N, C-alpha and C. Protein backbone atom coordinates (compact mmCIF):
# COMPACT_ATOMS: atom_id res chain seq x y z
N UNK A 1 0.84 -1.17 0.00
CA UNK A 1 0.00 0.00 0.00
C UNK A 1 0.89 1.24 0.00
N UNK A 2 0.67 2.12 -0.94
CA UNK A 2 1.43 3.36 -1.03
C UNK A 2 0.76 4.42 -0.16
N UNK A 3 1.53 5.28 0.42
CA UNK A 3 0.97 6.36 1.22
C UNK A 3 1.34 7.69 0.61
N UNK A 4 0.60 8.71 0.95
CA UNK A 4 0.90 10.05 0.46
C UNK A 4 1.98 10.66 1.33
N UNK A 5 2.95 11.30 0.72
CA UNK A 5 3.98 11.99 1.47
C UNK A 5 3.53 13.41 1.74
N UNK A 6 3.80 13.90 2.92
CA UNK A 6 3.46 15.28 3.23
C UNK A 6 4.74 16.11 3.26
N UNK A 7 4.66 17.31 3.76
CA UNK A 7 5.82 18.20 3.74
C UNK A 7 6.83 17.88 4.84
N UNK A 8 6.48 17.05 5.79
CA UNK A 8 7.41 16.67 6.84
C UNK A 8 8.45 15.71 6.26
N UNK A 9 9.65 15.77 6.81
CA UNK A 9 10.65 14.77 6.47
C UNK A 9 10.20 13.44 7.07
N UNK A 10 10.42 12.36 6.35
CA UNK A 10 10.00 11.05 6.82
C UNK A 10 11.22 10.27 7.31
N UNK A 11 11.04 9.57 8.41
CA UNK A 11 12.13 8.85 9.04
C UNK A 11 11.65 7.46 9.42
N UNK A 12 12.40 6.45 9.04
CA UNK A 12 12.15 5.08 9.48
C UNK A 12 13.25 4.71 10.46
N UNK A 13 12.86 4.31 11.66
CA UNK A 13 13.81 3.78 12.63
C UNK A 13 13.74 2.27 12.52
N UNK A 14 14.84 1.66 12.11
CA UNK A 14 14.90 0.22 11.89
C UNK A 14 15.78 -0.42 12.95
N UNK A 15 15.16 -1.25 13.76
CA UNK A 15 15.89 -1.98 14.80
C UNK A 15 16.36 -3.30 14.21
N UNK A 16 17.66 -3.51 14.23
CA UNK A 16 18.21 -4.74 13.65
C UNK A 16 18.67 -5.72 14.72
N UNK A 17 18.47 -5.37 15.97
CA UNK A 17 18.90 -6.25 17.06
C UNK A 17 17.77 -6.46 18.04
N UNK A 18 18.04 -6.13 19.29
CA UNK A 18 17.03 -6.31 20.32
C UNK A 18 15.98 -5.20 20.23
N UNK A 19 14.97 -5.32 21.01
CA UNK A 19 13.83 -4.40 20.96
C UNK A 19 14.25 -2.97 21.30
N UNK A 20 13.82 -2.03 20.48
CA UNK A 20 14.14 -0.62 20.74
C UNK A 20 12.90 0.23 20.58
N UNK A 21 11.76 -0.33 20.90
CA UNK A 21 10.50 0.36 20.66
C UNK A 21 10.38 1.68 21.41
N UNK A 22 11.12 1.81 22.49
CA UNK A 22 11.06 3.06 23.23
C UNK A 22 11.49 4.23 22.35
N UNK A 23 12.51 4.03 21.51
CA UNK A 23 12.98 5.09 20.62
C UNK A 23 12.00 5.36 19.49
N UNK A 24 11.60 4.32 18.80
CA UNK A 24 10.79 4.47 17.60
C UNK A 24 9.38 4.95 17.84
N UNK A 25 8.75 4.50 18.89
CA UNK A 25 7.35 4.81 19.09
C UNK A 25 7.10 5.84 20.17
N UNK A 26 8.12 6.17 20.91
CA UNK A 26 7.87 7.06 22.03
C UNK A 26 8.77 8.26 22.11
N UNK A 27 10.02 8.06 22.39
CA UNK A 27 10.90 9.16 22.72
C UNK A 27 11.19 10.09 21.54
N UNK A 28 11.60 9.55 20.42
CA UNK A 28 11.96 10.41 19.30
C UNK A 28 10.77 11.23 18.78
N UNK A 29 9.59 10.63 18.60
CA UNK A 29 8.45 11.45 18.18
C UNK A 29 8.12 12.54 19.20
N UNK A 30 8.31 12.24 20.48
CA UNK A 30 8.05 13.22 21.53
C UNK A 30 9.02 14.39 21.45
N UNK A 31 10.28 14.09 21.17
CA UNK A 31 11.32 15.12 21.10
C UNK A 31 11.26 15.89 19.78
N UNK A 32 11.04 15.18 18.67
CA UNK A 32 11.08 15.80 17.35
C UNK A 32 9.82 16.60 17.03
N UNK A 33 8.74 16.35 17.75
CA UNK A 33 7.50 17.08 17.48
C UNK A 33 7.02 16.86 16.07
N UNK A 34 6.68 17.93 15.40
CA UNK A 34 6.16 17.84 14.03
C UNK A 34 7.25 17.91 12.97
N UNK A 35 8.50 17.87 13.37
CA UNK A 35 9.60 17.97 12.40
C UNK A 35 9.69 16.77 11.48
N UNK A 36 9.32 15.61 11.98
CA UNK A 36 9.43 14.37 11.22
C UNK A 36 8.14 13.57 11.33
N UNK A 37 7.86 12.83 10.28
CA UNK A 37 6.86 11.77 10.37
C UNK A 37 7.66 10.50 10.61
N UNK A 38 7.52 9.93 11.80
CA UNK A 38 8.39 8.84 12.22
C UNK A 38 7.64 7.51 12.22
N UNK A 39 8.27 6.52 11.60
CA UNK A 39 7.78 5.15 11.62
C UNK A 39 8.89 4.29 12.19
N UNK A 40 8.52 3.14 12.74
CA UNK A 40 9.55 2.24 13.26
C UNK A 40 9.23 0.82 12.87
N UNK A 41 10.29 0.05 12.66
CA UNK A 41 10.15 -1.36 12.27
C UNK A 41 11.30 -2.15 12.87
N UNK A 42 11.09 -3.45 12.94
CA UNK A 42 12.13 -4.35 13.42
C UNK A 42 12.42 -5.39 12.35
N UNK A 43 13.69 -5.75 12.22
CA UNK A 43 14.04 -6.79 11.24
C UNK A 43 13.49 -8.14 11.68
N UNK A 44 13.37 -8.34 12.99
CA UNK A 44 12.78 -9.56 13.55
C UNK A 44 11.84 -9.16 14.68
N UNK A 45 10.60 -8.76 14.35
CA UNK A 45 9.70 -8.29 15.40
C UNK A 45 9.40 -9.37 16.44
N UNK A 46 9.55 -8.99 17.69
CA UNK A 46 9.33 -9.94 18.78
C UNK A 46 8.34 -9.42 19.82
N UNK A 47 7.79 -8.28 19.60
CA UNK A 47 6.82 -7.74 20.55
C UNK A 47 7.39 -6.62 21.39
N UNK A 48 6.49 -5.88 21.97
CA UNK A 48 6.85 -4.73 22.80
C UNK A 48 7.34 -5.22 24.15
N UNK A 49 8.51 -4.79 24.54
CA UNK A 49 9.09 -5.22 25.81
C UNK A 49 8.45 -4.46 26.97
N UNK A 50 8.01 -5.18 28.01
CA UNK A 50 7.38 -4.52 29.16
C UNK A 50 8.26 -3.46 29.81
N UNK A 51 9.58 -3.67 29.80
CA UNK A 51 10.47 -2.67 30.40
C UNK A 51 10.50 -1.37 29.60
N UNK A 52 10.31 -1.46 28.27
CA UNK A 52 10.23 -0.25 27.44
C UNK A 52 8.98 0.53 27.81
N UNK A 53 7.87 -0.17 28.00
CA UNK A 53 6.61 0.49 28.39
C UNK A 53 6.80 1.17 29.74
N UNK A 54 7.41 0.47 30.68
CA UNK A 54 7.62 1.02 32.02
C UNK A 54 8.55 2.24 32.00
N UNK A 55 9.67 2.12 31.28
CA UNK A 55 10.64 3.22 31.24
C UNK A 55 10.04 4.46 30.60
N UNK A 56 9.31 4.29 29.51
CA UNK A 56 8.70 5.44 28.86
C UNK A 56 7.62 6.05 29.73
N UNK A 57 6.87 5.22 30.43
CA UNK A 57 5.82 5.73 31.30
C UNK A 57 6.40 6.57 32.44
N UNK A 58 7.60 6.22 32.88
CA UNK A 58 8.26 6.97 33.95
C UNK A 58 8.61 8.39 33.53
N UNK A 59 8.72 8.64 32.22
CA UNK A 59 8.98 10.01 31.76
C UNK A 59 7.74 10.62 31.10
N UNK A 60 6.58 9.98 31.33
CA UNK A 60 5.32 10.55 30.89
C UNK A 60 4.91 10.25 29.46
N UNK A 61 5.50 9.22 28.85
CA UNK A 61 5.16 8.86 27.47
C UNK A 61 4.54 7.47 27.47
N UNK A 62 3.33 7.36 26.94
CA UNK A 62 2.60 6.09 26.92
C UNK A 62 2.79 5.40 25.57
N UNK A 63 3.49 4.27 25.59
CA UNK A 63 3.66 3.49 24.36
C UNK A 63 2.95 2.14 24.49
N UNK A 64 2.12 1.99 25.50
CA UNK A 64 1.47 0.70 25.76
C UNK A 64 0.65 0.22 24.57
N UNK A 65 0.11 1.13 23.78
CA UNK A 65 -0.70 0.73 22.63
C UNK A 65 0.12 0.47 21.37
N UNK A 66 1.42 0.59 21.45
CA UNK A 66 2.29 0.37 20.30
C UNK A 66 2.46 -1.12 20.04
N UNK A 67 2.94 -1.45 18.86
CA UNK A 67 3.23 -2.84 18.54
C UNK A 67 4.48 -2.90 17.68
N UNK A 68 5.13 -4.03 17.73
CA UNK A 68 6.29 -4.27 16.86
C UNK A 68 5.81 -4.43 15.44
N UNK A 69 6.49 -3.76 14.52
CA UNK A 69 6.14 -3.86 13.11
C UNK A 69 7.31 -4.45 12.34
N UNK A 70 6.98 -5.31 11.40
CA UNK A 70 8.00 -5.89 10.53
C UNK A 70 8.38 -4.87 9.45
N UNK A 71 9.60 -4.94 9.02
CA UNK A 71 10.05 -4.09 7.92
C UNK A 71 9.19 -4.33 6.68
N UNK A 72 8.68 -5.54 6.53
CA UNK A 72 7.83 -5.87 5.38
C UNK A 72 6.59 -4.97 5.29
N UNK A 73 6.12 -4.47 6.41
CA UNK A 73 4.93 -3.60 6.41
C UNK A 73 5.19 -2.28 5.69
N UNK A 74 6.45 -1.95 5.47
CA UNK A 74 6.79 -0.67 4.85
C UNK A 74 7.29 -0.82 3.41
N UNK A 75 7.10 -1.99 2.84
CA UNK A 75 7.49 -2.21 1.44
C UNK A 75 6.77 -1.21 0.55
N UNK A 76 7.52 -0.53 -0.30
CA UNK A 76 6.95 0.46 -1.22
C UNK A 76 6.86 1.86 -0.65
N UNK A 77 7.10 2.01 0.63
CA UNK A 77 7.07 3.34 1.24
C UNK A 77 8.39 4.05 0.92
N UNK A 78 8.34 5.37 0.87
CA UNK A 78 9.55 6.17 0.66
C UNK A 78 9.85 6.94 1.94
N UNK A 79 11.12 6.97 2.30
CA UNK A 79 11.56 7.70 3.48
C UNK A 79 12.70 8.63 3.10
N UNK A 80 12.76 9.79 3.74
CA UNK A 80 13.89 10.68 3.55
C UNK A 80 15.11 10.16 4.28
N UNK A 81 14.88 9.52 5.44
CA UNK A 81 15.98 9.04 6.27
C UNK A 81 15.62 7.67 6.83
N UNK A 82 16.66 6.82 7.01
CA UNK A 82 16.51 5.56 7.71
C UNK A 82 17.60 5.53 8.77
N UNK A 83 17.20 5.32 10.01
CA UNK A 83 18.13 5.24 11.14
C UNK A 83 18.12 3.81 11.62
N UNK A 84 19.27 3.15 11.59
CA UNK A 84 19.34 1.77 12.10
C UNK A 84 19.91 1.78 13.50
N UNK A 85 19.27 1.00 14.34
CA UNK A 85 19.72 0.88 15.74
C UNK A 85 19.82 -0.57 16.11
């Protein structure tokens, strides 16, 4: 499925190792505000880690409704930047 690009820079955060959902779904969007349209994916999605939910909640960011996404979900999408972690 193709999506429409808007005027924001688009960023894909790609986790290639252990779970890093705190960065992709919580902290970076909170810090970057409207500067970027941020998506996150994992090369091997394994689910949202409870400690990530707890750590983000301690700084006032709720990621409990987030889910791990496979890189395959973004096939055909265009991004201005890809950050691998």
